[in-house]
Amino acid sequence: MSRDTRERYGLVSRLFHWGIALLVVWQLLKILDRVADGEHWIGQTLVPYHVSIGVLILVLAVFRAGWAFAQRRNRPEAPEPMAFLVRAGHLALYACLLLMPLTGIAIMVGNGYGLKVFGMQLVARGDGIDWLADLGGILHSPLAWLLLVLVVGHAGMALVHHFVKKDGVLRRML
């Protein structure tokens, strides 16, 4: 079933969730690029696609947010005492999924590199835009760390629900 229900997320939601999760893990491996100046298999194999994967995450996150909005009445709900925290955590994840690529694009375009995605030049190289590069540079790294904390917290809570509370929350997304 492609649509969400009160008991379970549908196929479309699960594909968005796990597809974006895989891409985010790929992106977060960029942190390891700072070890030995990227002179290892992660730095040489995964990092060259960082910008392209970031733009792909942005596109998927926009579609995912639209799908979630369209399915908002059908989706499983969080238990009431924690509903606000669950919604806030998910909203923060969505915000990071949108802001991370946008700040990365700001860095690239602001520094005059243009935007090349999977070999296609979407924004031509040109003069830098200092304020745009500065804004992207100020926000991108802290957002990456925030996203890492949110992802670890999200996965951690899913495991708590599965192994400690045994309430079936994780099964909704599997």
Foldseek 3Di string as FASTA:
>chain_A
DQAAAQQAHHPVLLCLVVVLVVLLVLLLCVVVCPPPVLPDCSSVPRVVQNLQSLVVLQVSLVVSVVRCVVRVVGHHADPPVCRVVVVVLVVLLSVLSNVQSQLVQLLCVQCQNAGAHPNRRPGHRDHHNPVSNVVSVVPNVVSSVVNVVSVCVVVVVLVCCVPPVVPCPVVSSD
